[in-house]
Structures are given as structure tokens and as C-alpha cells.
Amino acid sequence: MHVVYILQSEPHGRFYVGSTKDMDARLRLHNAGRVQSTKFYRPWKVVYTEQAADNLAARHRELELKRFRSHARLARLIEAAGAQSPATGA
């Protein structure tokens, strides 16, 4: 299974949207500074995840979330997911 995720920078509050097959390994890369677009905002925490059937579905959903372009809109998605199910999110 692939995972679409949203990370939040702990010190800066920024969001990052991505997808991966191995969430634990990917989070370690983000927090180790090995991902160019996130290395200056470390540390990161996972605030939202959702499962995707395959890589293509995960990439489509990732791009959909990236098109939100709004911190507030991503925050509402995270909040709604947390209210619906304790298994969704971090």
C-alpha cells in the first residue's frame, strides 16, 4: 500500500504534502535533512495520512492536495480527518 501524507514543521507550522510506500523511512529522510524542499524547516511530524491502492493513485491524490495551496484548507482537512477517525492522521 502507498500512503499520502501531510507533514507539519514543528517550529514553523508549515505543511508538506507527499506520498510514499514506506512512511517511517520517508519521515526519517525528511527529518535528517535529506529532502531538499523540507530540510530548512525540521523537525517534521506526521499530521495526516491516507491509504492509496497504488503509486499512481497516491500521486494523483498528492497532487490534488498540493493544489489546495492554502494552509487553512489543509488544516481543515486534517481537523476533519481527526474528528472522523482516530486511525487517520498522526
PDB file of N, CA and C in Angstrom:
ATOM      1  N   MET A   1       0.829  -1.186   0.000  1.00  0.00           N
ATOM      2  CA  MET A   1       0.000   0.000   0.000  1.00  0.00           C
ATOM      3  C   MET A   1       0.877   1.255   0.000  1.00  0.00           C
ATOM      4  N   HIS A   2       0.406   2.255  -0.666  1.00  0.00           N
ATOM      5  CA  HIS A   2       1.061   3.548  -0.679  1.00  0.00           C
ATOM      6  C   HIS A   2       0.319   4.488   0.260  1.00  0.00           C
ATOM      7  N   VAL A   3       1.023   5.485   0.731  1.00  0.00           N
ATOM      8  CA  VAL A   3       0.472   6.431   1.695  1.00  0.00           C
ATOM      9  C   VAL A   3       0.642   7.853   1.156  1.00  0.00           C
ATOM     10  N   VAL A   4      -0.410   8.620   1.251  1.00  0.00           N
ATOM     11  CA  VAL A   4      -0.346  10.062   1.005  1.00  0.00           C
ATOM     12  C   VAL A   4      -0.298  10.692   2.390  1.00  0.00           C
ATOM     13  N   TYR A   5       0.620  11.633   2.577  1.00  0.00           N
ATOM     14  CA  TYR A   5       0.803  12.173   3.924  1.00  0.00           C
ATOM     15  C   TYR A   5       0.932  13.685   3.905  1.00  0.00           C
ATOM     16  N   ILE A   6       0.628  14.264   5.054  1.00  0.00           N
ATOM     17  CA  ILE A   6       0.888  15.681   5.285  1.00  0.00           C
ATOM     18  C   ILE A   6       1.764  15.764   6.527  1.00  0.00           C
ATOM     19  N   LEU A   7       2.875  16.465   6.378  1.00  0.00           N
ATOM     20  CA  LEU A   7       3.770  16.724   7.495  1.00  0.00           C
ATOM     21  C   LEU A   7       3.582  18.169   7.933  1.00  0.00           C
ATOM     22  N   GLN A   8       3.867  18.424   9.192  1.00  0.00           N
ATOM     23  CA  GLN A   8       3.869  19.794   9.683  1.00  0.00           C
ATOM     24  C   GLN A   8       5.203  20.062  10.354  1.00  0.00           C
ATOM     25  N   SER A   9       5.806  21.190  10.003  1.00  0.00           N
ATOM     26  CA  SER A   9       7.049  21.615  10.625  1.00  0.00           C
ATOM     27  C   SER A   9       6.736  22.024  12.059  1.00  0.00           C
ATOM     28  N   GLU A  10       7.395  21.392  13.005  1.00  0.00           N
ATOM     29  CA  GLU A  10       7.113  21.703  14.406  1.00  0.00           C
ATOM     30  C   GLU A  10       7.467  23.148  14.772  1.00  0.00           C
ATOM     31  N   PRO A  11       8.635  23.668  14.370  1.00  0.00           N
ATOM     32  CA  PRO A  11       8.935  25.045  14.772  1.00  0.00           C
ATOM     33  C   PRO A  11       8.280  26.120  13.900  1.00  0.00           C
ATOM     34  N   HIS A  12       7.920  25.804  12.660  1.00  0.00           N
ATOM     35  CA  HIS A  12       7.440  26.828  11.734  1.00  0.00           C
ATOM     36  C   HIS A  12       5.964  26.717  11.385  1.00  0.00           C
ATOM     37  N   GLY A  13       5.351  25.560  11.618  1.00  0.00           N
ATOM     38  CA  GLY A  13       3.938  25.376  11.318  1.00  0.00           C
ATOM     39  C   GLY A  13       3.625  25.116   9.851  1.00  0.00           C
ATOM     40  N   ARG A  14       4.634  25.070   8.992  1.00  0.00           N
ATOM     41  CA  ARG A  14       4.421  24.828   7.562  1.00  0.00           C
ATOM     42  C   ARG A  14       3.942  23.404   7.333  1.00  0.00           C
ATOM     43  N   PHE A  15       3.241  23.211   6.211  1.00  0.00           N
ATOM     44  CA  PHE A  15       2.807  21.879   5.800  1.00  0.00           C
ATOM     45  C   PHE A  15       3.610  21.422   4.591  1.00  0.00           C
ATOM     46  N   TYR A  16       3.765  20.109   4.477  1.00  0.00           N
ATOM     47  CA  TYR A  16       4.368  19.487   3.304  1.00  0.00           C
ATOM     48  C   TYR A  16       3.518  18.283   2.952  1.00  0.00           C
ATOM     49  N   VAL A  17       3.166  18.142   1.683  1.00  0.00           N
ATOM     50  CA  VAL A  17       2.355  17.017   1.205  1.00  0.00           C
ATOM     51  C   VAL A  17       3.241  16.108   0.368  1.00  0.00           C
ATOM     52  N   GLY A  18       3.137  14.807   0.607  1.00  0.00           N
ATOM     53  CA  GLY A  18       3.920  13.847  -0.168  1.00  0.00           C
ATOM     54  C   GLY A  18       3.236  12.498  -0.217  1.00  0.00           C
ATOM     55  N   SER A  19       3.896  11.570  -0.898  1.00  0.00           N
ATOM     56  CA  SER A  19       3.410  10.191  -0.935  1.00  0.00           C
ATOM     57  C   SER A  19       4.607   9.258  -0.913  1.00  0.00           C
ATOM     58  N   THR A  20       4.383   8.057  -0.398  1.00  0.00           N
ATOM     59  CA  THR A  20       5.470   7.101  -0.258  1.00  0.00           C
ATOM     60  C   THR A  20       4.911   5.705  -0.072  1.00  0.00           C
ATOM     61  N   LYS A  21       5.776   4.734  -0.188  1.00  0.00           N
ATOM     62  CA  LYS A  21       5.402   3.356   0.123  1.00  0.00           C
ATOM     63  C   LYS A  21       5.852   2.988   1.547  1.00  0.00           C
ATOM     64  N   ASP A  22       6.842   3.719   2.071  1.00  0.00           N
ATOM     65  CA  ASP A  22       7.391   3.439   3.401  1.00  0.00           C
ATOM     66  C   ASP A  22       7.406   4.729   4.224  1.00  0.00           C
ATOM     67  N   MET A  23       6.354   4.952   4.987  1.00  0.00           N
ATOM     68  CA  MET A  23       6.183   6.203   5.725  1.00  0.00           C
ATOM     69  C   MET A  23       7.296   6.425   6.747  1.00  0.00           C
ATOM     70  N   ASP A  24       7.674   5.401   7.479  1.00  0.00           N
ATOM     71  CA  ASP A  24       8.704   5.557   8.506  1.00  0.00           C
ATOM     72  C   ASP A  24      10.033   5.988   7.894  1.00  0.00           C
ATOM     73  N   ALA A  25      10.437   5.337   6.816  1.00  0.00           N
ATOM     74  CA  ALA A  25      11.701   5.684   6.159  1.00  0.00           C
ATOM     75  C   ALA A  25      11.639   7.092   5.571  1.00  0.00           C
ATOM     76  N   ARG A  26      10.506   7.451   4.991  1.00  0.00           N
ATOM     77  CA  ARG A  26      10.371   8.770   4.379  1.00  0.00           C
ATOM     78  C   ARG A  26      10.431   9.871   5.428  1.00  0.00           C
ATOM     79  N   LEU A  27       9.788   9.675   6.575  1.00  0.00           N
ATOM     80  CA  LEU A  27       9.843  10.665   7.648  1.00  0.00           C
ATOM     81  C   LEU A  27      11.281  10.824   8.152  1.00  0.00           C
ATOM     82  N   ARG A  28      12.004   9.720   8.263  1.00  0.00           N
ATOM     83  CA  ARG A  28      13.411   9.804   8.686  1.00  0.00           C
ATOM     84  C   ARG A  28      14.220  10.651   7.699  1.00  0.00           C
ATOM     85  N   LEU A  29      13.972  10.482   6.393  1.00  0.00           N
ATOM     86  CA  LEU A  29      14.680  11.286   5.390  1.00  0.00           C
ATOM     87  C   LEU A  29      14.354  12.773   5.537  1.00  0.00           C
ATOM     88  N   HIS A  30      13.082  13.089   5.742  1.00  0.00           N
ATOM     89  CA  HIS A  30      12.688  14.487   5.934  1.00  0.00           C
ATOM     90  C   HIS A  30      13.392  15.080   7.153  1.00  0.00           C
ATOM     91  N   ASN A  31      13.392  14.355   8.251  1.00  0.00           N
ATOM     92  CA  ASN A  31      13.965  14.880   9.484  1.00  0.00           C
ATOM     93  C   ASN A  31      15.486  14.852   9.514  1.00  0.00           C
ATOM     94  N   ALA A  32      16.100  14.089   8.619  1.00  0.00           N
ATOM     95  CA  ALA A  32      17.559  14.058   8.508  1.00  0.00           C
ATOM     96  C   ALA A  32      18.076  15.147   7.571  1.00  0.00           C
ATOM     97  N   GLY A  33      17.160  15.886   6.942  1.00  0.00           N
ATOM     98  CA  GLY A  33      17.575  16.939   6.026  1.00  0.00           C
ATOM     99  C   GLY A  33      17.931  16.435   4.642  1.00  0.00           C
ATOM    100  N   ARG A  34      17.496  15.231   4.296  1.00  0.00           N
ATOM    101  CA  ARG A  34      17.834  14.612   3.006  1.00  0.00           C
ATOM    102  C   ARG A  34      16.839  14.948   1.902  1.00  0.00           C
ATOM    103  N   VAL A  35      15.779  15.703   2.223  1.00  0.00           N
ATOM    104  CA  VAL A  35      14.796  16.127   1.227  1.00  0.00           C
ATOM    105  C   VAL A  35      14.955  17.641   1.059  1.00  0.00           C
ATOM    106  N   GLN A  36      15.352  18.053  -0.137  1.00  0.00           N
ATOM    107  CA  GLN A  36      15.700  19.449  -0.394  1.00  0.00           C
ATOM    108  C   GLN A  36      14.608  20.436   0.039  1.00  0.00           C
ATOM    109  N   SER A  37      13.354  20.121  -0.290  1.00  0.00           N
ATOM    110  CA  SER A  37      12.278  21.089  -0.033  1.00  0.00           C
ATOM    111  C   SER A  37      11.859  21.176   1.436  1.00  0.00           C
ATOM    112  N   THR A  38      12.318  20.278   2.275  1.00  0.00           N
ATOM    113  CA  THR A  38      11.903  20.320   3.683  1.00  0.00           C
ATOM    114  C   THR A  38      13.056  20.498   4.666  1.00  0.00           C
ATOM    115  N   LYS A  39      14.282  20.497   4.196  1.00  0.00           N
ATOM    116  CA  LYS A  39      15.402  20.437   5.131  1.00  0.00           C
ATOM    117  C   LYS A  39      15.570  21.671   6.021  1.00  0.00           C
ATOM    118  N   PHE A  40      15.072  22.817   5.590  1.00  0.00           N
ATOM    119  CA  PHE A  40      15.255  24.027   6.398  1.00  0.00           C
ATOM    120  C   PHE A  40      14.153  24.238   7.437  1.00  0.00           C
ATOM    121  N   TYR A  41      13.178  23.339   7.486  1.00  0.00           N
ATOM    122  CA  TYR A  41      12.039  23.520   8.394  1.00  0.00           C
ATOM    123  C   TYR A  41      11.900  22.367   9.386  1.00  0.00           C
ATOM    124  N   ARG A  42      12.962  21.639   9.611  1.00  0.00           N
ATOM    125  CA  ARG A  42      12.952  20.490  10.517  1.00  0.00           C
ATOM    126  C   ARG A  42      12.808  20.923  11.965  1.00  0.00           C
ATOM    127  N   PRO A  43      12.301  20.048  12.805  1.00  0.00           N
ATOM    128  CA  PRO A  43      11.780  18.695  12.570  1.00  0.00           C
ATOM    129  C   PRO A  43      10.333  18.712  12.091  1.00  0.00           C
ATOM    130  N   TRP A  44       9.953  17.601  11.480  1.00  0.00           N
ATOM    131  CA  TRP A  44       8.617  17.414  10.930  1.00  0.00           C
ATOM    132  C   TRP A  44       7.882  16.343  11.719  1.00  0.00           C
ATOM    133  N   LYS A  45       6.563  16.467  11.770  1.00  0.00           N
ATOM    134  CA  LYS A  45       5.730  15.420  12.363  1.00  0.00           C
ATOM    135  C   LYS A  45       4.610  15.094  11.378  1.00  0.00           C
ATOM    136  N   VAL A  46       4.172  13.855  11.378  1.00  0.00           N
ATOM    137  CA  VAL A  46       3.075  13.418  10.519  1.00  0.00           C
ATOM    138  C   VAL A  46       1.771  13.864  11.171  1.00  0.00           C
ATOM    139  N   VAL A  47       0.942  14.612  10.414  1.00  0.00           N
ATOM    140  CA  VAL A  47      -0.330  15.083  10.952  1.00  0.00           C
ATOM    141  C   VAL A  47      -1.523  14.490  10.208  1.00  0.00           C
ATOM    142  N   TYR A  48      -1.264  13.831   9.073  1.00  0.00           N
ATOM    143  CA  TYR A  48      -2.361  13.265   8.286  1.00  0.00           C
ATOM    144  C   TYR A  48      -1.806  12.194   7.363  1.00  0.00           C
ATOM    145  N   THR A  49      -2.518  11.074   7.264  1.00  0.00           N
ATOM    146  CA  THR A  49      -2.188  10.039   6.289  1.00  0.00           C
ATOM    147  C   THR A  49      -3.472   9.473   5.710  1.00  0.00           C
ATOM    148  N   GLU A  50      -3.369   9.013   4.486  1.00  0.00           N
ATOM    149  CA  GLU A  50      -4.455   8.239   3.899  1.00  0.00           C
ATOM    150  C   GLU A  50      -3.847   7.195   2.974  1.00  0.00           C
ATOM    151  N   GLN A  51      -4.487   6.058   2.899  1.00  0.00           N
ATOM    152  CA  GLN A  51      -4.004   4.947   2.089  1.00  0.00           C
ATOM    153  C   GLN A  51      -4.403   5.133   0.632  1.00  0.00           C
ATOM    154  N   ALA A  52      -3.551   4.652  -0.266  1.00  0.00           N
ATOM    155  CA  ALA A  52      -3.850   4.635  -1.698  1.00  0.00           C
ATOM    156  C   ALA A  52      -3.537   3.234  -2.215  1.00  0.00           C
ATOM    157  N   ALA A  53      -4.286   2.789  -3.201  1.00  0.00           N
ATOM    158  CA  ALA A  53      -4.147   1.428  -3.709  1.00  0.00           C
ATOM    159  C   ALA A  53      -2.802   1.187  -4.377  1.00  0.00           C
ATOM    160  N   ASP A  54      -2.279   2.201  -5.055  1.00  0.00           N
ATOM    161  CA  ASP A  54      -1.015   2.034  -5.777  1.00  0.00           C
ATOM    162  C   ASP A  54      -0.337   3.382  -5.926  1.00  0.00           C
ATOM    163  N   ASN A  55       0.842   3.362  -6.530  1.00  0.00           N
ATOM    164  CA  ASN A  55       1.624   4.586  -6.672  1.00  0.00           C
ATOM    165  C   ASN A  55       0.886   5.642  -7.487  1.00  0.00           C
ATOM    166  N   LEU A  56       0.219   5.243  -8.553  1.00  0.00           N
ATOM    167  CA  LEU A  56      -0.487   6.199  -9.406  1.00  0.00           C
ATOM    168  C   LEU A  56      -1.607   6.902  -8.627  1.00  0.00           C
ATOM    169  N   ALA A  57      -2.384   6.142  -7.891  1.00  0.00           N
ATOM    170  CA  ALA A  57      -3.462   6.727  -7.091  1.00  0.00           C
ATOM    171  C   ALA A  57      -2.893   7.669  -6.023  1.00  0.00           C
ATOM    172  N   ALA A  58      -1.777   7.279  -5.416  1.00  0.00           N
ATOM    173  CA  ALA A  58      -1.148   8.113  -4.391  1.00  0.00           C
ATOM    174  C   ALA A  58      -0.658   9.427  -4.988  1.00  0.00           C
ATOM    175  N   ARG A  59      -0.026   9.365  -6.151  1.00  0.00           N
ATOM    176  CA  ARG A  59       0.482  10.581  -6.795  1.00  0.00           C
ATOM    177  C   ARG A  59      -0.660  11.519  -7.201  1.00  0.00           C
ATOM    178  N   HIS A  60      -1.755  10.948  -7.692  1.00  0.00           N
ATOM    179  CA  HIS A  60      -2.907  11.781  -8.055  1.00  0.00           C
ATOM    180  C   HIS A  60      -3.464  12.505  -6.833  1.00  0.00           C
ATOM    181  N   ARG A  61      -3.604  11.789  -5.736  1.00  0.00           N
ATOM    182  CA  ARG A  61      -4.134  12.403  -4.517  1.00  0.00           C
ATOM    183  C   ARG A  61      -3.149  13.436  -3.959  1.00  0.00           C
ATOM    184  N   GLU A  62      -1.850  13.115  -4.002  1.00  0.00           N
ATOM    185  CA  GLU A  62      -0.835  14.061  -3.552  1.00  0.00           C
ATOM    186  C   GLU A  62      -0.943  15.372  -4.339  1.00  0.00           C
ATOM    187  N   LEU A  63      -1.048  15.272  -5.648  1.00  0.00           N
ATOM    188  CA  LEU A  63      -1.154  16.475  -6.482  1.00  0.00           C
ATOM    189  C   LEU A  63      -2.447  17.239  -6.205  1.00  0.00           C
ATOM    190  N   GLU A  64      -3.517  16.502  -5.934  1.00  0.00           N
ATOM    191  CA  GLU A  64      -4.781  17.147  -5.577  1.00  0.00           C
ATOM    192  C   GLU A  64      -4.628  17.976  -4.297  1.00  0.00           C
ATOM    193  N   LEU A  65      -3.988  17.390  -3.288  1.00  0.00           N
ATOM    194  CA  LEU A  65      -3.784  18.105  -2.025  1.00  0.00           C
ATOM    195  C   LEU A  65      -2.833  19.281  -2.204  1.00  0.00           C
ATOM    196  N   LYS A  66      -1.817  19.124  -3.035  1.00  0.00           N
ATOM    197  CA  LYS A  66      -0.878  20.222  -3.276  1.00  0.00           C
ATOM    198  C   LYS A  66      -1.565  21.393  -3.970  1.00  0.00           C
ATOM    199  N   ARG A  67      -2.584  21.127  -4.739  1.00  0.00           N
ATOM    200  CA  ARG A  67      -3.318  22.199  -5.415  1.00  0.00           C
ATOM    201  C   ARG A  67      -4.165  23.017  -4.432  1.00  0.00           C
ATOM    202  N   PHE A  68      -4.352  22.532  -3.208  1.00  0.00           N
ATOM    203  CA  PHE A  68      -5.091  23.309  -2.211  1.00  0.00           C
ATOM    204  C   PHE A  68      -4.421  24.665  -2.009  1.00  0.00           C
ATOM    205  N   ARG A  69      -3.101  24.703  -1.990  1.00  0.00           N
ATOM    206  CA  ARG A  69      -2.306  25.935  -1.866  1.00  0.00           C
ATOM    207  C   ARG A  69      -2.717  26.825  -0.694  1.00  0.00           C
ATOM    208  N   SER A  70      -3.380  26.278   0.250  1.00  0.00           N
ATOM    209  CA  SER A  70      -3.847  27.078   1.371  1.00  0.00           C
ATOM    210  C   SER A  70      -3.579  26.337   2.676  1.00  0.00           C
ATOM    211  N   HIS A  71      -2.853  26.979   3.546  1.00  0.00           N
ATOM    212  CA  HIS A  71      -2.582  26.424   4.867  1.00  0.00           C
ATOM    213  C   HIS A  71      -3.897  26.125   5.584  1.00  0.00           C
ATOM    214  N   ALA A  72      -4.847  27.039   5.499  1.00  0.00           N
ATOM    215  CA  ALA A  72      -6.122  26.880   6.192  1.00  0.00           C
ATOM    216  C   ALA A  72      -6.906  25.689   5.643  1.00  0.00           C
ATOM    217  N   ARG A  73      -6.881  25.495   4.346  1.00  0.00           N
ATOM    218  CA  ARG A  73      -7.625  24.383   3.743  1.00  0.00           C
ATOM    219  C   ARG A  73      -7.028  23.035   4.147  1.00  0.00           C
ATOM    220  N   LEU A  74      -5.702  22.934   4.173  1.00  0.00           N
ATOM    221  CA  LEU A  74      -5.065  21.703   4.644  1.00  0.00           C
ATOM    222  C   LEU A  74      -5.370  21.479   6.121  1.00  0.00           C
ATOM    223  N   ALA A  75      -5.350  22.546   6.910  1.00  0.00           N
ATOM    224  CA  ALA A  75      -5.650  22.427   8.345  1.00  0.00           C
ATOM    225  C   ALA A  75      -7.072  21.917   8.563  1.00  0.00           C
ATOM    226  N   ARG A  76      -8.024  22.389   7.743  1.00  0.00           N
ATOM    227  CA  ARG A  76      -9.414  21.905   7.862  1.00  0.00           C
ATOM    228  C   ARG A  76      -9.505  20.423   7.511  1.00  0.00           C
ATOM    229  N   LEU A  77      -8.774  19.985   6.489  1.00  0.00           N
ATOM    230  CA  LEU A  77      -8.763  18.563   6.114  1.00  0.00           C
ATOM    231  C   LEU A  77      -8.217  17.720   7.263  1.00  0.00           C
ATOM    232  N   ILE A  78      -7.131  18.155   7.850  1.00  0.00           N
ATOM    233  CA  ILE A  78      -6.514  17.431   8.968  1.00  0.00           C
ATOM    234  C   ILE A  78      -7.466  17.378  10.151  1.00  0.00           C
ATOM    235  N   GLU A  79      -8.086  18.501  10.457  1.00  0.00           N
ATOM    236  CA  GLU A  79      -9.033  18.566  11.579  1.00  0.00           C
ATOM    237  C   GLU A  79     -10.230  17.653  11.344  1.00  0.00           C
ATOM    238  N   ALA A  80     -10.773  17.680  10.125  1.00  0.00           N
ATOM    239  CA  ALA A  80     -11.935  16.839   9.803  1.00  0.00           C
ATOM    240  C   ALA A  80     -11.581  15.360   9.888  1.00  0.00           C
ATOM    241  N   ALA A  81     -10.411  14.997   9.431  1.00  0.00           N
ATOM    242  CA  ALA A  81      -9.989  13.595   9.489  1.00  0.00           C
ATOM    243  C   ALA A  81      -9.824  13.135  10.934  1.00  0.00           C
ATOM    244  N   GLY A  82      -9.302  14.000  11.770  1.00  0.00           N
ATOM    245  CA  GLY A  82      -9.134  13.665  13.183  1.00  0.00           C
ATOM    246  C   GLY A  82     -10.456  13.494  13.898  1.00  0.00           C
ATOM    247  N   ALA A  83     -11.458  14.258  13.490  1.00  0.00           N
ATOM    248  CA  ALA A  83     -12.779  14.175  14.108  1.00  0.00           C
ATOM    249  C   ALA A  83     -13.524  12.927  13.650  1.00  0.00           C
ATOM    250  N   GLN A  84     -13.233  12.458  12.432  1.00  0.00           N
ATOM    251  CA  GLN A  84     -13.937  11.293  11.892  1.00  0.00           C
ATOM    252  C   GLN A  84     -13.394   9.980  12.424  1.00  0.00           C
ATOM    253  N   SER A  85     -12.062   9.884  12.513  1.00  0.00           N
ATOM    254  CA  SER A  85     -11.476   8.586  12.856  1.00  0.00           C
ATOM    255  C   SER A  85     -10.146   8.766  13.545  1.00  0.00           C
ATOM    256  N   PRO A  86      -9.959   8.155  14.704  1.00  0.00           N
ATOM    257  CA  PRO A  86      -8.673   8.257  15.376  1.00  0.00           C
ATOM    258  C   PRO A  86      -7.562   7.547  14.611  1.00  0.00           C
ATOM    259  N   ALA A  87      -7.888   6.638  13.679  1.00  0.00           N
ATOM    260  CA  ALA A  87      -6.866   5.917  12.915  1.00  0.00           C
ATOM    261  C   ALA A  87      -6.284   6.761  11.804  1.00  0.00           C
ATOM    262  N   THR A  88      -6.988   7.812  11.376  1.00  0.00           N
ATOM    263  CA  THR A  88      -6.482   8.681  10.323  1.00  0.00           C
ATOM    264  C   THR A  88      -5.704   9.816  10.960  1.00  0.00           C
ATOM    265  N   GLY A  89      -4.586  10.155  10.383  1.00  0.00           N
ATOM    266  CA  GLY A  89      -3.763  11.231  10.929  1.00  0.00           C
ATOM    267  C   GLY A  89      -2.621  10.678  11.719  1.00  0.00           C
ATOM    268  N   ALA A  90      -2.015  11.513  12.516  1.00  0.00           N
ATOM    269  CA  ALA A  90      -0.810  11.100  13.230  1.00  0.00           C
ATOM    270  C   ALA A  90      -1.127  10.481  14.563  1.00  0.00           C
TER     271      ALA A  90
END
